[in-house]
Protein backbone atom coordinates (compact mmCIF):
# COMPACT_ATOMS: atom_id res chain seq x y z
CA MET A 1 21.56 -13.97 31.24
CA LEU A 2 22.95 -10.77 29.75
CA SER A 3 22.72 -7.54 31.67
CA ALA A 4 22.24 -4.13 30.15
CA SER A 5 25.07 -1.64 30.03
CA SER A 6 25.17 2.08 29.73
CA ALA A 7 26.50 1.87 26.19
CA GLN A 8 23.23 2.94 24.69
CA SER A 9 23.47 4.68 21.35
CA ASP A 10 21.69 7.99 21.06
CA SER A 11 20.21 9.18 17.82
CA SER A 12 21.72 12.63 18.43
CA HIS A 13 25.25 11.24 18.73
CA PRO A 14 27.37 12.22 15.69
CA VAL A 15 28.47 8.67 15.01
CA PRO A 16 27.28 8.39 11.39
CA SER A 17 29.28 11.38 10.09
CA ASN A 18 32.40 10.28 11.96
CA LEU A 19 32.01 6.81 10.54
CA TRP A 20 31.64 7.91 6.93
CA ARG A 21 34.74 10.10 7.19
CA ASP A 22 36.76 6.94 7.87
CA GLY A 23 38.27 5.96 4.50
CA ASP A 24 38.93 2.37 5.55
CA PHE A 25 35.31 1.88 6.60
CA ARG A 26 34.17 3.29 3.24
CA ARG A 27 36.42 0.82 1.42
CA LEU A 28 35.07 -2.06 3.49
CA TRP A 29 31.53 -0.88 2.76
CA VAL A 30 32.11 -0.66 -1.00
CA GLY A 31 33.81 -4.05 -1.09
CA GLN A 32 31.10 -5.73 0.94
CA THR A 33 28.39 -4.14 -1.23
CA ALA A 34 29.99 -5.42 -4.43
CA SER A 35 30.57 -8.85 -2.90
CA GLN A 36 26.93 -9.12 -1.83
CA LEU A 37 25.78 -8.03 -5.30
CA GLY A 38 27.79 -10.83 -6.86
CA GLU A 39 26.59 -13.34 -4.30
CA HIS A 40 22.87 -12.46 -4.59
CA ALA A 41 23.02 -12.45 -8.38
CA GLY A 42 24.65 -15.87 -8.31
CA LEU A 43 21.99 -17.23 -5.95
CA VAL A 44 19.41 -16.53 -8.68
CA VAL A 45 21.51 -17.24 -11.78
CA LEU A 46 22.54 -20.80 -10.92
CA PRO A 47 19.07 -22.11 -9.92
CA LEU A 48 17.38 -20.37 -12.87
CA TYR A 49 19.95 -21.81 -15.25
CA ALA A 50 19.26 -25.27 -13.80
CA VAL A 51 15.45 -24.89 -14.04
CA LEU A 52 15.09 -22.99 -17.34
CA THR A 53 18.07 -24.25 -19.36
CA LEU A 54 18.79 -27.71 -18.00
CA ASP A 55 15.12 -28.46 -17.07
CA ALA A 56 16.21 -29.62 -13.61
CA SER A 57 13.68 -31.51 -11.51
CA ALA A 58 12.61 -30.41 -8.04
CA ALA A 59 14.95 -32.97 -6.48
CA GLU A 60 17.90 -31.81 -8.62
CA LEU A 61 17.23 -28.18 -7.71
CA GLY A 62 17.17 -29.17 -4.04
CA VAL A 63 20.51 -30.95 -4.44
CA LEU A 64 22.02 -27.94 -6.24
CA ARG A 65 21.01 -25.59 -3.45
CA ALA A 66 22.19 -28.07 -0.81
CA VAL A 67 25.60 -28.39 -2.48
CA GLY A 68 26.00 -24.60 -2.43
CA GLN A 69 25.04 -24.46 1.24
CA ALA A 70 27.04 -27.51 2.39
CA PRO A 71 30.26 -25.50 3.02
CA ILE A 72 28.45 -23.66 5.83
CA LEU A 73 28.12 -26.95 7.68
CA LEU A 74 31.51 -28.32 6.68
CA LEU A 75 33.76 -25.26 7.03
CA SER A 76 32.26 -22.57 9.30
CA LEU A 77 33.89 -23.68 12.56
CA PHE A 78 37.31 -24.10 10.96
CA VAL A 79 37.03 -20.76 9.18
CA GLY A 80 36.22 -19.00 12.45
CA ALA A 81 39.32 -20.46 14.11
CA TRP A 82 41.51 -19.52 11.15
CA VAL A 83 40.14 -16.01 10.68
CA ASP A 84 40.88 -15.08 14.31
CA LYS A 85 44.60 -15.68 13.69
CA TRP A 86 44.88 -14.35 10.10
CA ARG A 87 44.81 -10.86 8.66
CA ILE A 88 41.16 -10.37 7.80
CA ARG A 89 41.80 -8.17 4.78
CA THR A 90 43.93 -10.93 3.23
CA VAL A 91 41.11 -13.46 3.71
CA MET A 92 38.57 -11.16 2.04
CA VAL A 93 40.87 -10.32 -0.88
CA TRP A 94 41.71 -13.92 -1.74
CA THR A 95 38.11 -15.10 -1.47
CA ASP A 96 37.10 -12.38 -3.91
CA VAL A 97 39.77 -13.60 -6.32
CA GLY A 98 38.56 -17.18 -5.98
CA ARG A 99 34.92 -16.31 -6.60
CA THR A 100 35.84 -14.20 -9.62
CA VAL A 101 37.70 -17.15 -11.12
CA ALA A 102 34.92 -19.66 -10.31
CA LEU A 103 32.11 -17.64 -11.87
CA GLY A 104 34.32 -16.56 -14.76
CA ALA A 105 35.02 -20.22 -15.52
CA ALA A 106 31.28 -20.98 -15.29
CA ALA A 107 30.56 -18.19 -17.77
CA VAL A 108 33.08 -19.55 -20.27
CA ALA A 109 31.79 -23.12 -19.83
CA GLY A 110 28.23 -21.95 -20.37
CA LEU A 111 29.10 -20.10 -23.56
CA PHE A 112 30.58 -23.30 -25.00
CA GLY A 113 27.72 -25.48 -23.75
CA TRP A 114 29.82 -27.33 -21.19
CA LEU A 115 27.92 -26.19 -18.10
CA GLY A 116 25.84 -29.24 -17.19
CA LEU A 117 24.50 -30.12 -13.75
CA PRO A 118 27.74 -31.77 -12.50
CA ALA A 119 29.75 -28.65 -13.38
CA LEU A 120 27.04 -26.49 -11.84
CA PHE A 121 27.37 -28.45 -8.59
CA VAL A 122 31.13 -27.80 -8.55
CA VAL A 123 30.68 -24.07 -9.11
CA ALA A 124 27.96 -23.86 -6.45
CA PHE A 125 30.16 -25.63 -3.88
CA ALA A 126 33.18 -23.43 -4.66
CA LEU A 127 31.15 -20.23 -4.35
CA GLY A 128 29.59 -21.44 -1.10
CA ALA A 129 32.97 -22.32 0.42
CA LEU A 130 34.59 -19.01 -0.51
CA SER A 131 31.55 -17.06 0.68
CA VAL A 132 31.84 -18.67 4.11
CA PHE A 133 35.37 -17.26 4.41
CA PHE A 134 34.31 -13.79 3.21
CA ASP A 135 31.21 -13.53 5.38
CA VAL A 136 32.95 -14.58 8.60
CA ALA A 137 35.86 -12.24 7.84
CA TYR A 138 33.80 -9.13 7.09
CA GLN A 139 31.74 -9.58 10.27
CA ALA A 140 34.91 -9.82 12.34
CA SER A 141 36.55 -6.92 10.49
CA LEU A 142 34.05 -4.29 11.61
CA VAL A 143 35.08 -4.65 15.27
CA ARG A 144 38.67 -3.88 14.30
CA LEU A 145 37.70 -0.80 12.29
CA VAL A 146 35.14 1.04 14.42
CA LYS A 147 34.52 1.88 18.08
CA ARG A 148 32.06 -0.10 20.17
CA ASP A 149 29.48 2.72 20.22
CA GLN A 150 29.61 2.75 16.42
CA LEU A 151 28.76 -0.93 15.99
CA VAL A 152 25.02 -0.43 15.46
CA TRP A 153 25.63 2.32 12.90
CA GLY A 154 28.40 0.34 11.21
CA ASN A 155 26.26 -2.78 11.02
CA SER A 156 23.35 -0.69 9.76
CA ALA A 157 25.53 0.65 6.94
CA LEU A 158 26.88 -2.77 6.00
CA GLU A 159 23.47 -4.38 6.15
CA GLY A 160 22.15 -1.47 4.10
CA SER A 161 24.69 -2.36 1.44
CA ARG A 162 23.45 -5.91 1.58
CA SER A 163 19.99 -4.46 0.99
CA ALA A 164 21.27 -2.72 -2.12
CA ALA A 165 22.65 -6.06 -3.24
CA GLN A 166 19.27 -7.68 -2.67
CA ILE A 167 17.72 -4.99 -4.86
CA GLY A 168 20.20 -5.21 -7.71
CA GLY A 169 21.48 -8.78 -7.54
CA PRO A 170 18.35 -10.87 -8.11
CA ALA A 171 16.84 -8.37 -10.55
CA LEU A 172 20.04 -8.20 -12.60
CA GLY A 173 20.61 -11.94 -12.48
CA GLY A 174 17.04 -12.82 -13.45
CA ALA A 175 16.92 -10.20 -16.21
CA LEU A 176 20.23 -11.27 -17.76
CA VAL A 177 19.29 -14.94 -17.69
CA SER A 178 16.02 -14.17 -19.51
CA LEU A 179 17.20 -11.44 -21.91
CA LEU A 180 20.71 -12.66 -22.69
CA SER A 181 21.96 -15.90 -21.16
CA ALA A 182 23.04 -17.50 -17.92
CA PRO A 183 26.75 -17.28 -18.89
CA ILE A 184 26.44 -13.51 -19.28
CA ALA A 185 24.68 -13.32 -15.92
CA ALA A 186 27.49 -15.37 -14.34
CA ALA A 187 30.07 -13.07 -15.89
CA SER A 188 28.35 -10.02 -14.38
CA SER A 189 28.52 -11.61 -10.93
CA ALA A 190 32.23 -12.29 -11.43
CA LEU A 191 32.76 -8.59 -12.17
CA PHE A 192 31.18 -7.66 -8.84
CA PHE A 193 33.61 -9.91 -6.98
CA ALA A 194 36.47 -8.29 -8.89
CA LEU A 195 35.24 -4.85 -7.78
CA SER A 196 35.10 -6.07 -4.18
CA PHE A 197 38.72 -7.21 -4.49
CA LEU A 198 39.82 -3.80 -5.80
CA SER A 199 38.14 -1.99 -2.91
CA VAL A 200 39.07 -4.25 0.02
CA GLN A 201 42.73 -4.52 -0.95
CA ARG A 202 42.99 -0.71 -0.65
CA ILE A 203 42.19 -0.71 3.09
CA ARG A 204 45.19 1.06 4.58
CA ARG A 205 44.93 0.39 8.31
CA THR A 206 47.71 -1.88 9.45
CA GLU A 207 46.29 -5.06 10.89
CA LEU A 208 48.56 -6.82 13.33
CA LEU A 209 48.35 -10.55 13.68
CA PRO A 210 47.25 -11.70 17.15
CA LYS A 211 50.14 -12.52 19.45
CA SER A 212 50.84 -16.22 19.50
CA SER A 213 52.52 -18.28 22.16
CA ARG A 214 55.37 -20.68 21.50
CA ARG A 215 52.80 -23.45 21.30
CA PRO A 216 49.68 -21.84 19.78
CA PRO A 217 46.38 -23.65 20.38
CA ARG A 218 45.48 -26.27 17.84
CA VAL A 219 42.58 -25.55 15.54
CA TRP A 220 40.31 -28.00 17.36
CA GLN A 221 41.07 -26.28 20.66
CA ARG A 222 40.21 -22.89 19.15
CA ILE A 223 36.98 -24.30 17.72
CA HIS A 224 36.10 -25.72 21.13
CA GLU A 225 36.74 -22.34 22.76
CA GLY A 226 34.36 -20.66 20.31
CA LEU A 227 31.66 -23.28 20.83
CA ARG A 228 31.99 -23.08 24.60
CA PHE A 229 31.79 -19.30 24.60
CA VAL A 230 28.56 -19.25 22.58
CA VAL A 231 26.96 -22.16 24.46
CA ARG A 232 27.64 -20.56 27.85
CA ASP A 233 25.96 -17.30 26.83
CA THR A 234 22.19 -17.64 27.09
CA SER A 235 21.34 -15.04 24.47
CA LEU A 236 23.91 -16.20 21.91
CA ARG A 237 22.76 -19.77 22.43
CA THR A 238 19.20 -18.69 21.68
CA VAL A 239 20.38 -16.82 18.58
CA CYS A 240 21.88 -20.09 17.32
CA LEU A 241 18.71 -22.10 17.89
CA ALA A 242 16.38 -19.45 16.43
CA SER A 243 18.65 -18.97 13.44
CA ALA A 244 18.82 -22.73 12.84
CA ALA A 245 15.01 -23.00 12.85
CA PHE A 246 14.68 -20.03 10.51
CA GLN A 247 17.41 -20.99 8.04
CA PHE A 248 16.29 -24.62 7.82
CA SER A 249 12.70 -23.58 7.06
CA LEU A 250 13.80 -20.77 4.74
CA ALA A 251 15.99 -23.13 2.71
CA ALA A 252 13.11 -25.57 2.31
CA MET A 253 10.67 -22.78 1.48
CA MET A 254 12.97 -21.12 -1.09
CA THR A 255 13.51 -24.40 -2.94
CA VAL A 256 9.75 -24.75 -3.31
CA TYR A 257 9.37 -21.01 -4.02
CA LEU A 258 11.82 -21.08 -6.94
CA LEU A 259 9.69 -23.84 -8.48
CA PHE A 260 6.34 -22.29 -7.52
CA LEU A 261 6.94 -18.96 -9.26
CA PRO A 262 7.80 -20.21 -12.78
CA ARG A 263 5.77 -23.43 -12.81
CA GLU A 264 2.64 -22.60 -10.79
CA LEU A 265 2.36 -18.85 -11.38
CA HIS A 266 4.02 -19.05 -14.83
CA LEU A 267 6.41 -16.15 -14.24
CA SER A 268 9.43 -15.48 -16.46
CA GLY A 269 12.98 -15.37 -15.17
CA THR A 270 12.93 -11.57 -15.28
CA THR A 271 9.76 -11.43 -13.19
CA VAL A 272 11.12 -13.97 -10.71
CA GLY A 273 14.22 -11.81 -10.28
CA LEU A 274 12.04 -8.73 -9.82
CA ALA A 275 9.92 -10.45 -7.17
CA LEU A 276 13.00 -11.55 -5.25
CA ALA A 277 14.65 -8.16 -5.63
CA ALA A 278 11.79 -6.46 -3.78
CA THR A 279 13.38 -7.86 -0.63
CA GLY A 280 16.09 -5.25 -1.15
CA PRO A 281 14.06 -2.04 -0.67
CA GLY A 282 12.46 -3.61 2.39
CA ALA A 283 15.85 -4.55 3.77
CA LEU A 284 17.10 -1.03 3.11
CA LEU A 285 14.22 0.30 5.19
CA GLY A 286 14.95 -2.31 7.83
CA SER A 287 18.59 -1.18 8.00
CA MET A 288 17.57 2.41 8.60
CA LEU A 289 15.01 1.43 11.22
CA ALA A 290 17.53 -0.85 12.95
CA ALA A 291 19.73 2.13 13.78
CA ARG A 292 16.91 3.70 15.83
CA LEU A 293 14.11 1.31 16.82
CA PRO A 294 16.09 -0.92 19.25
CA THR A 295 17.23 2.09 21.28
CA ARG A 296 13.66 3.40 21.40
CA PHE A 297 11.56 0.30 21.96
CA GLY A 298 14.13 -2.22 23.20
CA HIS A 299 16.25 -4.76 21.37
CA GLY A 300 14.10 -7.70 22.48
CA ALA A 301 10.78 -6.20 21.40
CA VAL A 302 12.20 -5.30 17.99
CA LEU A 303 13.70 -8.77 17.49
CA VAL A 304 10.51 -10.70 18.21
CA SER A 305 8.01 -8.42 16.47
CA ALA A 306 10.18 -8.01 13.35
CA ALA A 307 10.69 -11.78 13.10
CA VAL A 308 6.96 -12.50 13.41
CA LEU A 309 6.10 -9.92 10.74
CA GLY A 310 8.88 -10.81 8.30
CA ASP A 311 8.58 -14.59 8.56
CA GLY A 312 4.80 -14.80 8.76
CA VAL A 313 4.15 -12.82 5.59
CA PHE A 314 5.09 -15.79 3.37
CA LEU A 315 1.97 -17.60 4.56
CA CYS A 316 0.09 -15.38 2.09
CA VAL A 317 1.92 -16.68 -0.99
CA PRO A 318 0.24 -20.12 -1.40
CA ALA A 319 -3.12 -18.33 -1.75
CA LEU A 320 -2.02 -16.44 -4.87
CA HIS A 321 -3.78 -17.27 -8.16
CA GLY A 322 -4.55 -15.52 -11.39
CA SER A 323 -2.65 -13.34 -13.83
CA ALA A 324 0.69 -11.67 -13.28
CA ALA A 325 -1.12 -8.33 -12.91
CA VAL A 326 -2.52 -9.66 -9.62
CA THR A 327 0.21 -11.95 -8.36
CA VAL A 328 3.31 -9.84 -9.06
CA PRO A 329 2.28 -6.81 -6.91
CA ALA A 330 1.39 -9.21 -4.10
CA LEU A 331 4.77 -10.94 -4.39
CA LEU A 332 6.53 -7.57 -4.34
CA ALA A 333 4.68 -6.64 -1.14
CA VAL A 334 5.54 -9.98 0.49
CA SER A 335 9.22 -9.62 -0.38
CA PHE A 336 9.28 -6.02 0.86
CA VAL A 337 7.81 -6.94 4.26
CA PHE A 338 10.11 -9.97 4.53
CA GLY A 339 13.13 -7.78 3.77
CA THR A 340 12.17 -5.15 6.33
CA GLY A 341 11.57 -7.60 9.16
CA GLY A 342 14.55 -9.78 8.32
CA GLN A 343 16.95 -6.86 8.20
CA LEU A 344 15.75 -5.52 11.54
CA VAL A 345 16.51 -8.91 13.04
CA ASN A 346 19.89 -9.25 11.30
CA VAL A 347 21.26 -5.87 12.34
CA THR A 348 20.00 -6.11 15.91
CA VAL A 349 21.32 -9.64 16.45
CA MET A 350 24.71 -8.78 14.96
CA ALA A 351 25.08 -5.70 17.18
CA VAL A 352 24.22 -7.76 20.28
CA ARG A 353 26.65 -10.49 19.30
CA GLN A 354 29.50 -8.07 18.63
CA ALA A 355 28.84 -6.13 21.83
CA VAL A 356 29.12 -9.16 24.13
CA THR A 357 32.04 -10.88 22.38
CA PRO A 358 35.73 -10.14 23.13
CA ASP A 359 37.79 -9.00 20.14
CA GLY A 360 39.88 -12.16 20.02
CA MET A 361 36.74 -14.28 19.86
CA GLN A 362 34.82 -12.35 17.16
CA GLY A 363 35.66 -14.67 14.25
CA ARG A 364 34.94 -17.84 16.21
CA ALA A 365 31.70 -16.49 17.65
CA ALA A 366 30.50 -15.45 14.20
CA ALA A 367 31.52 -18.79 12.73
CA THR A 368 29.88 -20.79 15.54
CA ILE A 369 26.60 -18.94 15.07
CA THR A 370 26.87 -19.39 11.30
CA PHE A 371 27.62 -23.09 11.73
CA VAL A 372 24.70 -23.76 14.06
CA GLY A 373 22.33 -21.28 12.46
CA MET A 374 22.93 -22.17 8.83
CA GLY A 375 24.40 -25.65 9.07
CA LEU A 376 21.00 -27.24 8.50
CA THR A 377 20.28 -25.30 5.30
CA PRO A 378 21.48 -28.12 3.00
CA LEU A 379 19.02 -30.46 4.70
CA GLY A 380 16.32 -27.81 4.41
CA SER A 381 16.93 -27.49 0.67
CA LEU A 382 16.79 -31.26 0.25
CA LEU A 383 13.55 -31.37 2.26
CA GLY A 384 12.04 -28.65 0.08
CA GLY A 385 12.90 -30.58 -3.05
CA PHE A 386 11.46 -33.78 -1.58
CA LEU A 387 8.21 -32.10 -0.54
CA ALA A 388 7.85 -30.44 -3.95
CA GLU A 389 8.21 -33.86 -5.58
CA ALA A 390 5.82 -35.65 -3.19
CA TRP A 391 3.16 -32.99 -2.62
CA GLU A 392 1.45 -30.22 -4.53
CA LEU A 393 3.59 -27.08 -4.74
CA ARG A 394 1.03 -24.94 -2.86
CA THR A 395 0.84 -27.39 0.03
CA SER A 396 4.62 -27.68 0.22
CA LEU A 397 4.97 -23.90 0.23
CA LEU A 398 2.42 -23.49 3.01
CA VAL A 399 4.08 -26.09 5.25
CA THR A 400 7.61 -24.73 4.80
CA ALA A 401 6.47 -21.12 5.25
CA ALA A 402 4.73 -22.05 8.51
CA GLY A 403 7.96 -23.60 9.74
CA MET A 404 9.65 -20.20 9.61
CA LEU A 405 7.55 -19.05 12.57
CA LEU A 406 9.48 -21.40 14.87
CA SER A 407 12.25 -18.81 15.00
CA PRO A 408 10.31 -15.90 16.56
CA GLY A 409 8.66 -18.42 18.88
CA LEU A 410 12.04 -19.48 20.28
CA MET A 411 13.14 -15.87 20.70
CA ALA A 412 9.90 -14.90 22.45
CA LEU A 413 10.48 -17.61 25.07
CA SER A 414 14.11 -16.61 25.74
CA PRO A 415 16.01 -13.80 27.50
CA LEU A 416 16.48 -12.16 24.09
CA ALA A 417 12.87 -10.99 24.25
CA ARG A 418 13.64 -9.09 27.46
CA LEU A 419 16.66 -7.13 26.20
CA GLY A 420 16.20 -3.42 26.80
CA ARG A 421 17.11 -0.28 24.91
CA ALA A 422 20.83 -0.45 25.74
CA LEU A 423 23.27 -2.87 24.17
CA PRO A 424 24.10 -5.82 26.44
CA ALA A 425 27.32 -5.73 28.43
CA ARG A 426 30.36 -7.47 27.04
CA ALA A 427 30.93 -10.89 28.58
CA GLY A 428 34.66 -10.35 28.89
CA HIS A 429 37.11 -7.77 27.62
CA ALA A 430 40.07 -10.08 27.37
CA ASP A 431 40.78 -12.37 24.49
CA ASP A 432 40.59 -15.31 26.84
CA PRO A 433 37.29 -17.09 26.13
CA ARG A 434 37.18 -18.21 29.75
CA SER A 435 36.53 -14.63 30.87
CA PRO A 436 33.34 -14.53 32.93
């Protein structure tokens, strides 16, 4: 069980101003913001193109989402082992280039009418694979850029940028698909990845490669070290299990949700994007609250209560009927609450994970948690598509939304719920994962 340390952040500490004066942190922040904008726009553009243009069935939509999420299961552990021995900036730059090319090619193919479901599957898989590299790298990069007592503020800023992406990405993607075309929407996402490339490659701080022995550990050994480190830590192990329950249920629920909004509530692509984008303002609020609430009320109390509020709000959606004048404001409120609670959980969990993990283990710890937490998302998407085919959409939505409450239940029964106002103590300061 983790013990508390004296490294508690104080709201009067001048960390935020010091952090924003750091040019390299600003460049990371801009690049991550642009990358998240491109990613969140693409998460709406591809499914809407499949549903509205290709008239994809529920099962086909489930497969499309599963294909895009499969790289999390297939690659996360390897990526964590690789990132810990590579220059992180290089990883982020090349993944931005790859995603720009992939979505640019999709835009061209769509303009010429070549973008059928098979091609869409290829693009979704490529984007998912490259995003795994970028996401693991940017989480590990923060520890190398800022001091330990700046982690909560740094994570709050980065997660705030993700909030901005959640505001702009889905709204822009949905609007462009409806008003112009899916190829134009794909091209806009590609431009965001290009902007991320331009910002990240300007980070000036010299990043030294980790020292390697004459016989460096094989990749499987490094993966095993990361798995063992997370499994041996009670709180990180609980994070994995709670994240797996949440992401599996969320993937199933979102597959049904993306069918429920246009087919049951008869909403246009623009309105669907607007409803999803409301998560962004909520997440922005959650990011600001995450910099203060854990140090006031305790990390555990914030984690559990925010998860219950954010996950449970989707139980209201299956009850919605009537015109858009009634349903759209309700959907906006649901997304806002979900964004606020989810972001509180994200920032708090990330700060705890970074605080207890040695620098040389950051990439592998992040990748292990990603692998366990999100590895089941392809199966969740497939389950959502199956349920939407077999049952009524409202029933499917209710069942999958209820499943999301498994996550706060697991956290409430674990040591995570008892974490206090201070960040937990680091498990070991050396790079050796065997540190006690």
